[in-house]
Protein backbone atom coordinates (compact mmCIF):
# COMPACT_ATOMS: atom_id res chain seq x y z
CA MET A 1 14.47 -57.69 42.33
CA SER A 2 14.03 -54.47 43.11
CA ARG A 3 17.63 -53.94 41.10
CA PHE A 4 15.85 -55.40 38.19
CA ILE A 5 13.35 -52.59 37.99
CA GLN A 6 15.50 -49.97 38.33
CA ARG A 7 17.43 -51.20 35.27
CA HIS A 8 14.35 -52.49 33.62
CA ALA A 9 13.21 -48.45 34.08
CA LEU A 10 16.97 -47.09 32.74
CA GLN A 11 16.65 -49.24 30.03
CA LYS A 12 13.24 -48.02 29.00
CA LEU A 13 14.52 -44.31 29.99
CA THR A 14 17.35 -44.46 27.84
CA PHE A 15 15.56 -45.73 24.94
CA LEU A 16 12.59 -43.25 25.12
CA VAL A 17 15.57 -40.39 25.59
CA VAL A 18 17.37 -41.92 22.19
CA ALA A 19 13.84 -41.86 20.32
CA ILE A 20 13.30 -37.96 21.36
CA LEU A 21 16.86 -36.94 19.96
CA THR A 22 16.64 -39.28 16.79
CA SER A 23 13.32 -37.38 16.27
CA LEU A 24 15.45 -34.42 16.23
CA VAL A 25 17.52 -35.21 14.37
CA ILE A 26 15.35 -36.21 11.53
CA CYS A 27 13.60 -32.68 11.80
CA TYR A 28 16.36 -30.29 13.07
CA ARG A 29 18.82 -32.24 10.72
CA TYR A 30 19.41 -29.38 8.46
CA GLN A 31 19.95 -26.76 11.14
CA ILE A 32 22.45 -28.93 12.67
CA ILE A 33 24.42 -29.31 9.28
CA ASN A 34 24.41 -25.53 8.70
CA GLN A 35 25.28 -24.91 12.41
CA PHE A 36 21.77 -22.98 12.57
CA SER A 37 22.92 -20.20 10.19
CA VAL A 38 19.67 -20.91 7.85
CA LEU A 39 16.38 -21.36 9.53
CA PHE A 40 12.75 -22.83 8.92
CA GLY A 41 9.82 -20.71 7.27
CA ASP A 42 11.59 -17.04 5.53
CA ASP A 43 11.12 -13.16 6.03
CA TYR A 44 7.55 -12.90 5.51
CA ASP A 45 5.45 -14.98 7.91
CA THR A 46 8.47 -16.38 10.03
CA VAL A 47 10.03 -12.83 10.87
CA ILE A 48 6.06 -12.16 11.85
CA GLU A 49 5.81 -14.85 14.48
CA ILE A 50 8.83 -13.96 15.89
CA SER A 51 7.53 -10.38 16.23
CA ILE A 52 4.23 -11.62 17.87
CA LEU A 53 6.70 -14.09 20.19
CA HIS A 54 9.19 -11.31 21.24
CA HIS A 55 5.76 -9.31 22.14
CA TRP A 56 5.45 -11.77 24.75
CA LYS A 57 8.78 -11.58 25.80
CA ASN A 58 8.33 -7.91 26.58
CA VAL A 59 5.05 -8.41 28.25
CA PHE A 60 6.94 -10.64 30.97
CA PHE A 61 10.19 -8.71 31.05
CA ASN A 62 9.10 -4.73 30.14
CA GLY A 63 5.84 -4.03 31.05
CA GLU A 64 4.45 -4.14 27.20
CA THR A 65 0.72 -4.41 27.38
CA TRP A 66 -0.70 -8.22 26.98
CA SER A 67 -2.90 -7.22 24.39
CA SER A 68 -1.63 -4.30 22.21
CA THR A 69 1.71 -5.24 20.36
CA GLN A 70 3.98 -2.41 18.96
CA TYR A 71 2.90 -2.46 15.80
CA PHE A 72 -0.95 -1.56 14.13
CA PHE A 73 -0.32 1.68 16.45
CA PRO A 74 -2.74 3.32 17.80
CA TYR A 75 -5.26 0.31 17.57
CA LEU A 76 -5.98 -1.83 20.46
CA LYS A 77 -6.08 -5.27 21.27
CA THR A 78 -4.13 -5.62 18.10
CA LEU A 79 -3.25 -9.34 19.22
CA GLY A 80 -6.28 -10.56 18.54
CA TYR A 81 -5.36 -9.79 14.55
CA ASN A 82 -3.89 -13.31 14.38
CA ASP A 83 -2.87 -15.67 16.35
CA GLY A 84 -2.08 -15.12 20.27
CA TYR A 85 1.34 -17.25 20.59
CA PHE A 86 1.19 -17.33 24.19
CA LEU A 87 2.57 -20.24 25.60
CA PHE A 88 4.76 -20.10 22.57
CA GLY A 89 5.96 -16.87 24.07
CA ILE A 90 6.95 -18.58 27.55
CA LEU A 91 8.96 -21.10 25.59
CA TYR A 92 10.76 -18.10 23.61
CA SER A 93 11.25 -15.96 26.27
CA ILE A 94 13.12 -19.06 27.91
CA SER A 95 15.51 -19.34 24.90
CA GLN A 96 15.87 -16.04 24.82
CA PHE A 97 17.99 -16.25 27.81
CA PHE A 98 20.72 -19.13 26.25
CA THR A 99 20.50 -17.64 22.56
CA LYS A 100 20.09 -14.20 22.73
CA ASN A 101 18.97 -13.95 19.14
CA PRO A 102 15.23 -13.81 18.44
CA PHE A 103 15.75 -15.98 14.73
CA ILE A 104 17.80 -18.55 16.54
CA SER A 105 15.45 -18.58 19.61
CA ASN A 106 12.25 -19.36 17.34
CA ASP A 107 13.93 -22.56 15.99
CA VAL A 108 14.79 -23.34 19.48
CA THR A 109 11.29 -23.09 20.64
CA GLY A 110 9.93 -25.49 18.14
CA ILE A 111 12.99 -27.97 19.36
CA PHE A 112 11.16 -26.66 22.99
CA LEU A 113 7.95 -27.72 21.09
CA HIS A 114 9.13 -31.01 19.64
CA ILE A 115 10.02 -32.52 22.96
CA ILE A 116 7.33 -31.15 24.59
CA GLY A 117 4.97 -33.04 22.13
CA PHE A 118 6.83 -36.25 22.08
CA CYS A 119 6.40 -36.78 25.50
CA LEU A 120 3.09 -35.88 26.22
CA PHE A 121 2.20 -38.28 23.79
CA TYR A 122 4.13 -40.93 25.36
CA ILE A 123 2.60 -40.16 28.46
CA MET A 124 -0.69 -39.85 27.07
CA CYS A 125 -0.40 -43.41 25.48
CA ARG A 126 0.73 -44.52 28.46
CA THR A 127 -1.89 -43.61 30.99
CA VAL A 128 -5.13 -43.21 29.43
CA PHE A 129 -4.92 -45.77 26.75
CA ARG A 130 -2.27 -48.02 28.41
CA PHE A 131 -0.70 -48.59 25.03
CA GLN A 132 2.46 -50.73 25.59
CA PHE A 133 6.26 -49.33 25.82
CA ILE A 134 7.11 -49.75 22.07
CA SER A 135 3.67 -49.16 20.68
CA SER A 136 3.65 -45.86 22.75
CA ILE A 137 7.22 -44.74 21.34
CA PHE A 138 6.97 -45.47 17.83
CA GLY A 139 3.11 -42.76 18.23
CA SER A 140 5.02 -40.86 19.65
CA PHE A 141 7.78 -40.64 16.93
CA ILE A 142 5.38 -40.51 14.45
CA PHE A 143 3.62 -37.40 16.24
CA ALA A 144 6.84 -35.73 16.63
CA THR A 145 8.24 -36.35 12.94
CA SER A 146 4.71 -36.42 11.10
CA ASN A 147 5.65 -35.30 7.27
CA ASN A 148 2.46 -33.06 7.20
CA ILE A 149 3.41 -31.59 10.29
CA TRP A 150 7.08 -31.09 9.91
CA ILE A 151 6.23 -29.50 6.49
CA ASN A 152 3.70 -26.91 7.56
CA SER A 153 5.23 -25.96 10.73
CA ALA A 154 8.21 -24.67 9.31
CA HIS A 155 6.15 -21.58 7.86
CA HIS A 156 3.35 -21.67 10.84
CA ILE A 157 4.71 -22.50 14.01
CA GLN A 158 1.07 -21.89 15.42
CA ILE A 159 0.18 -25.40 13.73
CA LEU A 160 3.00 -26.62 16.68
CA MET A 161 -0.44 -26.00 19.28
CA ILE A 162 -1.06 -29.74 18.17
CA TYR A 163 1.70 -30.70 20.75
CA PHE A 164 -0.54 -29.25 23.63
CA ILE A 165 -3.95 -31.37 22.88
CA PRO A 166 -2.26 -34.61 24.45
CA ALA A 167 -2.23 -32.43 28.12
CA LEU A 168 -5.71 -31.88 27.79
CA ILE A 169 -6.62 -35.47 27.04
CA ILE A 170 -4.43 -36.73 30.17
CA LEU A 171 -5.58 -33.82 32.53
CA PHE A 172 -9.55 -34.45 31.57
CA TYR A 173 -8.88 -38.05 32.12
CA ILE A 174 -6.96 -37.86 35.53
CA SER A 175 -9.78 -35.58 36.92
CA ARG A 176 -12.58 -37.55 35.46
CA GLU A 177 -10.93 -40.89 36.93
CA ASN A 178 -10.43 -38.86 40.07
CA TYR A 179 -13.97 -38.10 40.36
CA ILE A 180 -15.06 -40.92 39.52
CA SER A 181 -12.99 -42.80 42.46
CA GLY A 182 -14.42 -40.16 44.75
CA ASN A 183 -11.63 -38.15 45.13
CA ARG A 184 -13.20 -35.07 44.81
CA LYS A 185 -10.47 -32.47 45.70
CA ARG A 186 -7.82 -34.03 43.42
CA SER A 187 -10.49 -33.95 40.65
CA TYR A 188 -11.46 -30.69 40.48
CA LEU A 189 -7.90 -29.16 40.97
CA TYR A 190 -7.47 -31.11 37.72
CA ALA A 191 -10.05 -29.98 36.07
CA LEU A 192 -9.06 -26.44 36.57
CA CYS A 193 -5.58 -27.45 35.41
CA CYS A 194 -7.54 -28.97 31.88
CA SER A 195 -9.50 -25.71 31.85
CA ALA A 196 -6.55 -23.05 32.32
CA LEU A 197 -4.44 -25.28 29.67
CA CYS A 198 -7.22 -25.01 27.52
CA ALA A 199 -7.92 -21.12 27.41
CA ALA A 200 -4.17 -20.33 27.25
CA CYS A 201 -4.22 -22.62 23.85
CA PHE A 202 -6.95 -20.62 22.45
CA MET A 203 -4.96 -17.97 23.29
CA THR A 204 -1.77 -19.10 21.47
CA GLY A 205 -3.22 -21.17 18.13
CA TYR A 206 -7.12 -20.58 17.58
CA TYR A 207 -7.08 -23.42 14.73
CA ILE A 208 -5.90 -26.42 16.31
CA LEU A 209 -7.92 -25.72 19.60
CA TRP A 210 -10.94 -24.69 17.54
CA PHE A 211 -10.12 -28.31 15.79
CA PHE A 212 -10.26 -30.02 19.06
CA VAL A 213 -13.44 -28.44 20.76
CA PHE A 214 -15.68 -29.02 17.21
CA SER A 215 -14.00 -32.81 17.12
CA ILE A 216 -15.19 -32.92 21.12
CA CYS A 217 -18.78 -31.70 19.22
CA ILE A 218 -18.93 -34.78 16.52
CA LEU A 219 -17.81 -36.92 19.43
CA LEU A 220 -20.36 -36.43 21.42
CA ALA A 221 -22.86 -36.28 18.85
CA THR A 222 -21.97 -39.95 17.36
CA ILE A 223 -22.14 -40.95 20.96
CA PHE A 224 -25.79 -40.27 21.34
CA THR A 225 -26.32 -41.49 17.90
CA ILE A 226 -24.80 -44.70 18.27
CA SER A 227 -26.61 -44.78 21.92
CA CYS A 228 -29.73 -44.81 20.14
CA ILE A 229 -29.32 -47.02 17.70
CA ARG A 230 -28.40 -49.45 19.94
CA GLY A 231 -31.15 -48.63 22.35
CA ASN A 232 -28.61 -47.82 25.36
CA ILE A 233 -28.98 -44.12 25.51
CA LYS A 234 -30.90 -43.81 28.93
CA SER A 235 -28.25 -45.81 30.74
CA VAL A 236 -25.51 -43.80 29.38
CA PHE A 237 -27.29 -40.35 30.23
CA ASN A 238 -28.04 -41.92 33.74
CA ALA A 239 -23.75 -42.55 34.08
CA GLU A 240 -22.57 -38.86 32.65
CA ILE A 241 -25.80 -37.19 34.63
CA LYS A 242 -23.78 -38.65 37.99
CA LEU A 243 -21.09 -36.44 36.96
CA TYR A 244 -23.02 -33.15 36.54
CA SER A 245 -21.04 -31.58 39.33
CA TYR A 246 -17.30 -32.53 38.17
CA TYR A 247 -18.97 -31.30 34.43
CA CYS A 248 -19.86 -27.84 36.05
CA ILE A 249 -16.87 -27.23 37.58
CA LEU A 250 -14.64 -27.59 34.21
CA LEU A 251 -16.77 -25.65 32.07
CA SER A 252 -17.29 -22.69 34.92
CA SER A 253 -13.85 -22.87 35.19
CA PHE A 254 -13.00 -22.66 31.09
CA ILE A 255 -15.77 -19.84 30.85
CA ILE A 256 -13.68 -17.84 33.26
CA PHE A 257 -10.29 -18.65 32.14
CA ILE A 258 -11.34 -17.81 28.36
CA VAL A 259 -12.39 -14.22 29.45
CA PRO A 260 -9.32 -12.34 28.22
CA PHE A 261 -9.31 -14.27 24.80
CA LEU A 262 -12.53 -13.15 24.65
CA TYR A 263 -12.07 -9.77 25.62
CA VAL A 264 -9.16 -9.20 22.65
CA TYR A 265 -10.89 -11.68 19.75
CA LEU A 266 -14.32 -10.79 19.82
CA SER A 267 -14.19 -7.40 19.04
CA LYS A 268 -11.31 -7.86 16.36
CA ALA A 269 -14.04 -10.40 14.91
CA ARG A 270 -16.55 -7.56 15.26
CA GLU A 271 -14.28 -5.70 13.55
CA THR A 272 -12.92 -7.80 11.03
CA GLY A 273 -16.30 -9.99 10.12
CA MET A 274 -13.42 -12.94 9.83
CA HIS A 275 -13.51 -15.10 7.00
CA SER A 276 -16.13 -14.70 3.94
CA TRP A 277 -17.13 -18.31 2.74
CA GLU A 278 -15.33 -17.79 -0.83
CA GLU A 279 -11.95 -17.47 0.83
CA THR A 280 -12.66 -20.66 3.07
CA TYR A 281 -13.75 -22.76 0.25
CA ALA A 282 -10.11 -22.15 -1.76
CA TYR A 283 -8.94 -23.80 0.84
CA LEU A 284 -11.08 -27.09 1.36
CA PRO A 285 -9.34 -30.07 0.78
CA HIS A 286 -10.02 -32.51 -2.24
CA PRO A 287 -10.55 -36.27 -1.20
CA TYR A 288 -7.04 -37.11 -2.95
CA ASP A 289 -5.57 -34.11 -0.61
CA LEU A 290 -5.75 -37.03 1.73
CA LEU A 291 -2.46 -38.45 0.20
CA HIS A 292 -0.92 -34.97 -0.81
CA ILE A 293 2.35 -35.09 1.02
CA GLY A 294 4.57 -33.40 -1.57
CA HIS A 295 7.15 -34.30 -4.23
CA TRP A 296 9.98 -34.05 -1.84
CA ASN A 297 8.93 -36.96 0.71
CA GLY A 298 11.33 -39.76 0.83
CA GLY A 299 9.27 -42.23 -0.51
CA VAL A 300 7.82 -40.69 -3.75
CA ILE A 301 10.94 -38.93 -3.97
CA PHE A 302 12.17 -43.15 -3.86
CA ALA A 303 9.18 -43.86 -6.39
CA ILE A 304 9.78 -41.20 -8.41
CA SER A 305 13.40 -42.53 -9.37
CA VAL A 306 12.35 -46.38 -9.57
CA LEU A 307 9.83 -45.24 -12.17
CA ASN A 308 12.33 -43.14 -14.38
CA GLN A 309 14.98 -46.22 -14.10
CA LEU A 310 12.27 -48.03 -15.59
CA GLY A 311 11.75 -45.65 -18.01
CA GLN A 312 15.69 -44.94 -18.76
CA TRP A 313 15.77 -48.60 -19.80
CA GLY A 314 12.20 -48.79 -21.83
CA VAL A 315 11.98 -45.65 -23.54
CA GLY A 316 14.88 -43.91 -22.83
CA ARG A 317 13.38 -40.98 -20.94
CA ASP A 318 12.37 -39.98 -17.72
CA LEU A 319 8.19 -41.22 -16.94
CA VAL A 320 7.71 -38.33 -14.13
CA LEU A 321 8.57 -34.90 -14.38
CA ARG A 322 10.50 -33.51 -11.47
CA THR A 323 8.59 -30.61 -10.18
CA PRO A 324 10.22 -28.11 -8.23
CA TYR A 325 9.49 -27.59 -4.40
CA HIS A 326 6.30 -25.05 -3.53
CA PHE A 327 4.71 -24.86 -0.69
CA SER A 328 0.90 -25.32 -0.58
CA GLU A 329 -1.38 -25.01 2.18
CA LEU A 330 -3.09 -28.27 0.86
CA LEU A 331 0.16 -30.36 1.51
CA VAL A 332 -1.45 -31.64 4.45
CA GLY A 333 -1.87 -35.55 3.38
CA PHE A 334 -0.63 -38.74 5.20
CA PRO A 335 2.02 -41.39 3.15
CA PRO A 336 -0.40 -44.51 1.55
CA VAL A 337 1.50 -47.23 4.09
CA THR A 338 1.10 -44.96 7.57
CA LEU A 339 -2.49 -44.14 6.27
CA ALA A 340 -3.26 -48.06 5.61
CA LEU A 341 -1.83 -48.98 9.27
CA ALA A 342 -3.75 -46.36 11.09
CA PHE A 343 -7.04 -47.27 9.27
CA TRP A 344 -6.06 -50.80 10.31
CA GLY A 345 -5.20 -49.99 13.78
CA ALA A 346 -8.93 -48.25 14.03
CA TRP A 347 -10.60 -51.40 12.71
CA ALA A 348 -9.29 -53.88 14.66
CA GLY A 349 -9.67 -51.85 17.59
CA THR A 350 -13.41 -51.98 16.60
CA ARG A 351 -13.31 -55.67 16.01
CA TYR A 352 -11.17 -56.82 19.33
CA GLY A 353 -11.35 -53.60 21.71
CA THR A 354 -8.74 -53.54 23.98
CA ALA A 355 -7.98 -54.22 27.80
CA ARG A 356 -8.35 -50.38 28.61
CA TYR A 357 -11.60 -49.87 26.40
CA SER A 358 -14.12 -52.14 24.40
CA ARG A 359 -14.98 -52.16 20.75
CA THR A 360 -17.70 -49.52 20.93
CA ILE A 361 -15.35 -46.90 22.80
CA TRP A 362 -13.22 -47.37 19.56
CA LEU A 363 -16.07 -47.73 16.98
CA ILE A 364 -16.78 -44.28 18.34
CA PHE A 365 -13.25 -42.97 17.82
CA SER A 366 -13.29 -44.20 14.31
CA VAL A 367 -16.92 -43.32 13.12
CA THR A 368 -15.64 -39.11 14.40
CA ASN A 369 -12.43 -39.01 12.48
CA ILE A 370 -14.44 -40.06 9.41
CA ILE A 371 -17.61 -38.34 9.78
CA ILE A 372 -14.51 -35.10 10.47
CA LEU A 373 -12.55 -35.90 7.22
CA LEU A 374 -16.16 -36.08 5.07
CA LEU A 375 -17.09 -32.68 6.08
CA CYS A 376 -13.76 -31.09 5.16
CA PHE A 377 -13.28 -32.34 1.73
CA LYS A 378 -15.02 -30.65 -1.38
CA LEU A 379 -16.34 -32.28 -4.70
CA GLY A 380 -16.23 -29.60 -7.11
CA PRO A 381 -18.65 -26.80 -6.02
CA LEU A 382 -20.23 -29.04 -3.38
CA SER A 383 -19.34 -29.50 0.09
CA LEU A 384 -20.29 -30.42 4.01
CA TRP A 385 -18.39 -27.43 5.55
CA GLN A 386 -20.77 -25.10 4.08
CA LEU A 387 -23.08 -26.43 6.49
CA VAL A 388 -20.00 -25.79 9.63
CA PHE A 389 -19.18 -22.65 8.06
CA HIS A 390 -22.78 -21.01 8.27
CA LEU A 391 -23.63 -22.72 11.65
CA VAL A 392 -21.22 -23.69 13.97
CA PRO A 393 -19.87 -20.38 15.86
CA GLY A 394 -16.31 -19.59 15.31
CA ALA A 395 -16.06 -21.52 11.96
CA LYS A 396 -15.76 -18.15 9.66
CA GLY A 397 -12.59 -17.21 11.76
CA LEU A 398 -11.20 -20.41 9.97
CA ARG A 399 -9.82 -19.69 6.49
CA VAL A 400 -7.32 -22.90 5.75
CA VAL A 401 -9.57 -25.77 6.46
CA SER A 402 -6.99 -27.83 5.22
CA ARG A 403 -5.00 -27.85 8.33
CA PHE A 404 -7.59 -30.16 10.04
CA PHE A 405 -5.69 -32.78 8.61
CA LEU A 406 -2.97 -31.71 10.46
CA TYR A 407 -5.38 -31.76 13.58
CA GLU A 408 -6.12 -34.97 12.25
CA THR A 409 -2.65 -36.45 12.81
CA LEU A 410 -3.51 -36.81 16.23
CA PRO A 411 -5.76 -39.63 16.17
CA LEU A 412 -4.10 -41.12 13.44
CA CYS A 413 -1.30 -41.87 15.77
CA ILE A 414 -3.34 -42.88 18.24
CA ALA A 415 -4.57 -45.52 15.71
CA LEU A 416 -0.98 -46.27 14.67
CA SER A 417 -0.09 -46.96 18.15
CA LEU A 418 -3.17 -49.14 18.94
CA ALA A 419 -2.03 -51.10 15.14
CA CYS A 420 1.40 -51.59 17.09
CA ASP A 421 -0.27 -52.76 20.22
CA PHE A 422 -2.01 -55.19 18.22
CA LEU A 423 0.78 -57.19 16.50
CA LEU A 424 2.88 -56.85 19.26
CA GLN A 425 -0.01 -58.92 21.00
CA ARG A 426 -0.26 -61.22 18.37
CA ARG A 427 3.71 -61.65 18.45
CA GLN A 428 4.06 -60.60 14.92
CA TYR A 429 7.50 -59.12 15.47
CA VAL A 430 9.03 -59.44 12.04
CA LEU A 431 5.75 -57.51 10.41
CA THR A 432 5.39 -55.37 13.02
CA THR A 433 9.55 -54.28 12.82
CA VAL A 434 8.79 -53.92 8.59
CA LEU A 435 5.90 -52.06 8.96
CA LEU A 436 7.29 -49.51 11.81
CA LEU A 437 10.49 -49.01 9.86
CA ILE A 438 8.48 -48.27 6.75
CA VAL A 439 5.88 -45.72 8.34
CA VAL A 440 9.09 -43.80 10.30
CA CYS A 441 10.70 -43.36 6.53
CA GLU A 442 7.67 -42.49 4.81
CA GLN A 443 7.98 -39.18 7.60
CA VAL A 444 11.55 -38.16 6.46
CA ASN A 445 11.16 -34.72 3.64
CA SER A 446 13.75 -33.50 1.99
CA SER A 447 11.56 -30.13 1.17
CA PRO A 448 13.58 -27.20 1.43
CA VAL A 449 11.65 -25.28 4.05
CA LEU A 450 14.22 -23.24 5.28
CA GLY A 451 14.86 -20.19 3.85
CA LEU A 452 15.70 -17.98 6.44
CA SER A 453 19.26 -16.95 6.55
CA LEU A 454 20.73 -15.98 9.90
CA ASN A 455 23.62 -13.93 8.53
CA ARG A 456 21.51 -11.66 6.35
CA GLU A 457 18.55 -11.00 8.30
CA GLN A 458 21.05 -10.13 11.22
CA ALA A 459 22.82 -7.75 9.21
CA LEU A 460 19.18 -5.68 8.04
CA TYR A 461 18.47 -5.13 11.61
CA ASP A 462 21.92 -4.37 12.62
CA SER A 463 22.59 -2.12 10.03
CA VAL A 464 19.46 0.32 11.67
CA PRO A 465 21.18 3.65 13.02
CA ASP A 466 20.27 4.53 16.57
CA LYS A 467 16.96 6.26 16.81
CA PRO A 468 16.71 9.63 17.03
CA ALA A 469 15.47 10.86 20.27
CA GLN A 470 12.52 12.86 18.34
CA CYS A 471 11.35 9.87 17.19
CA LYS A 472 8.49 8.50 18.56
CA THR A 473 6.83 6.23 16.31
CA PHE A 474 8.13 4.94 13.02
CA VAL A 475 7.05 3.42 9.25
CA VAL A 476 9.42 2.05 7.17
CA ALA A 477 10.33 2.62 3.95
CA ASP A 478 11.76 -0.24 1.74
CA THR A 479 13.17 -1.12 -1.17
CA PRO A 480 10.80 -2.50 -4.64
CA PRO A 481 12.00 -6.02 -5.79
CA ALA A 482 13.97 -5.81 -9.16
CA VAL A 483 11.07 -8.03 -10.74
CA PRO A 484 7.18 -6.82 -9.17
CA ASP A 485 5.77 -9.41 -6.50
CA SER A 486 3.08 -9.08 -4.35
CA GLY A 487 3.89 -10.98 -1.55
CA TYR A 488 7.32 -8.70 -1.52
CA ASP A 489 4.73 -5.58 -1.54
CA LEU A 490 2.40 -6.95 1.18
CA TYR A 491 5.15 -8.36 3.74
CA HIS A 492 8.50 -7.63 3.59
CA GLY A 493 8.62 -3.98 4.89
CA ASN A 494 5.49 -4.35 6.92
CA SER A 495 6.70 -7.57 8.36
CA PHE A 496 10.68 -5.75 9.04
CA ALA A 497 8.03 -2.65 10.69
CA MET A 498 6.93 -5.76 13.12
CA LEU A 499 9.52 -7.27 14.11
CA TYR A 500 12.03 -3.85 14.33
CA SER A 501 9.16 -2.25 16.72
CA GLU A 502 9.32 -5.23 19.28
CA LEU A 503 13.36 -5.18 19.51
CA ALA A 504 13.58 -1.73 19.73
CA GLN A 505 9.92 -0.71 21.69
CA ILE A 506 8.83 1.67 19.24
CA PRO A 507 5.30 1.63 17.91
CA THR A 508 4.74 1.33 14.44
CA PRO A 509 1.10 1.82 12.37
CA MET A 510 2.25 -0.39 9.81
CA GLY A 511 1.85 -4.58 9.79
CA PHE A 512 0.39 -7.36 8.15
CA SER A 513 -1.30 -9.86 9.47
CA THR A 514 -4.30 -12.27 9.11
CA PHE A 515 -6.64 -9.41 9.59
CA ASN A 516 -5.85 -5.85 9.33
CA PRO A 517 -6.89 -2.52 10.78
CA PRO A 518 -10.06 -1.21 8.71
CA ASP A 519 -8.22 1.62 7.15
CA TRP A 520 -5.02 0.34 7.12
CA ASP A 521 -2.60 1.55 3.84
CA PHE A 522 1.05 0.25 3.70
CA SER A 523 0.89 -2.34 0.98
CA SER A 524 3.80 -1.32 -1.36
CA PRO A 525 5.61 0.60 1.56
CA TYR A 526 8.33 2.29 -1.02
CA ASP A 527 8.62 6.02 -1.68
CA GLY A 528 9.80 7.68 -5.27
CA VAL A 529 8.04 4.65 -7.03
CA PRO A 530 5.72 5.54 -9.93
CA GLY A 531 1.99 4.73 -9.95
CA VAL A 532 2.85 4.20 -6.23
CA THR A 533 1.94 7.48 -3.98
CA ASP A 534 4.91 7.39 -1.35
CA ILE A 535 4.87 5.87 1.78
CA ALA A 536 6.14 8.28 3.75
CA VAL A 537 2.74 10.65 2.15
CA ARG A 538 0.29 8.10 3.47
CA ALA A 539 2.06 7.91 6.98
CA VAL A 540 1.54 11.60 7.43
CA HIS A 541 -2.00 11.16 6.56
CA TYR A 542 -2.68 7.86 8.56
CA ALA A 543 -0.75 9.65 11.38
CA SER A 544 -2.80 12.87 11.31
CA ALA A 545 -6.04 11.14 10.80
CA HIS A 546 -5.29 9.36 14.56
CA ASN A 547 -3.34 12.22 15.74
CA PHE A 548 0.16 10.67 16.40
CA LEU A 549 1.90 13.40 13.63
CA PRO A 550 4.44 14.48 15.98
CA GLY A 551 7.49 12.31 16.19
CA LEU A 552 6.57 10.48 13.25
CA CYS A 553 9.55 9.34 11.82
CA GLU A 554 10.54 7.39 8.39
CA LEU A 555 13.19 4.27 8.79
CA SER A 556 14.65 3.98 5.26
CA ILE A 557 15.86 0.12 4.62
CA THR A 558 16.70 1.35 1.04
CA LYS A 559 19.93 0.37 -0.94
CA ASN A 560 20.85 -2.47 2.15
CA THR A 561 21.44 1.04 4.41
CA ALA A 562 19.58 1.95 7.07
CA SER A 563 18.51 5.87 8.06
CA TRP A 564 16.05 7.58 9.74
CA ARG A 565 14.51 10.81 8.81
CA ASN A 566 11.33 13.35 10.60
CA LEU A 567 7.82 13.23 8.62
CA ARG A 568 6.21 16.44 10.29
CA SER A 569 7.33 18.40 7.51
CA ILE A 570 5.94 15.69 4.80
CA PRO A 571 2.72 17.80 3.42
């Protein structure tokens, strides 16, 4: 019997490992094929995120101040101009031991996060929801390979903060269950871990954690409303009030752990004023964005191919135009079968309940997520999100509200696991297999999200000669593009300066982020371009105003070469 159990456990472990490796192959197949010579992202946002990740390596190993980066000198608490990437920085620092290359380390960090997300979701399914093994594997697989997460995280790695949310749910569940069972010491230990991880997550990726906290608030409001409608609010309140000491420990410890985050970000929120409603409104999703999965999704490509073949047979021309790839912040939707199966799973939970949770629990789960979706949508000039923007603390720190759909991937995958569980319980094995294969295939996307050439980027940084001893700070003089490009004007020279400043540990006043310092003036970092004040002149004036002119140098990266010059003599 013992040998049978061991063999059964080994089979499950093998299946789990194969599932993780398969999901990695799906998401990183391009890098595997090109041997990591072309990587996720581009030389704009991706280089910025690598500079923040390398900042944490410098904090851990070179004594750099944790709250202030090398860029945006001489301002302090400059980490607060963007997401903090703290947990990612730990993984990046580990990957640096193996790769020694910042660009490859960035993708390896993504691989680490992918594995972490898969495993944590699986553990959550098994411990918190008590789903069957296959159902848990299925939900974890979709969670790790989700079409919208894959496309968006290639440009913005902070979105992968969602992979730590299951850990918060697990820790909260275990600590609460231990408290109820009378094991107070164990309960408080897990509560402290939950609070510490939550604070660390805030320091890593603000968007996803804000969405998580906001969804909890909606969940509590839903519980209160349903309890009032059913007339059992008093019993619910009495049950929870018995846990008051547990909640006090959880909340008070979180307040203590969140102090470093508030220390950095509150001052920057006051300085920048956060985002305006006009900025936020532009990134609110339309109802149809719930199905916005992009033209490069495998299912869309198949449908377009079928329609165009029918068109060739019937009218002699394609019926659907093939559009070029274009990344959009609204590319956050879910494939149709995936969405339909998730809705069915949520409905089945509210209709029948599960062995672990009652129908009421699943009703609360479903209503909460429907409310969230309705709050995000805009219909012409109208949107309920305007109430959230003006009334909920921290909402003005969000610009791309459509990313809430990315967070909704978590409850959607829970609903998918629930649907799979119901089908397996009813022994619908053939139907389950077909649906699961369709959902998996719907996540496959061939979007060309790889735009960072390792050789090109490495050659640029390797071309920089050793810094002269007199250079204490620096600015970058970039080459203007042949065709005017506002993105290049803002990003290229500044993102290069950010990463080089962290690699060489030499401060620079340049940089570009979600927010910039109030007197930042380093767009179009060119010299000798008609109509543009030389970057050297602007840098000298900026340095004079901030009292760091002695030791200021210019690093020119024009014409595929790099050279230094002292700027102290520039009028």
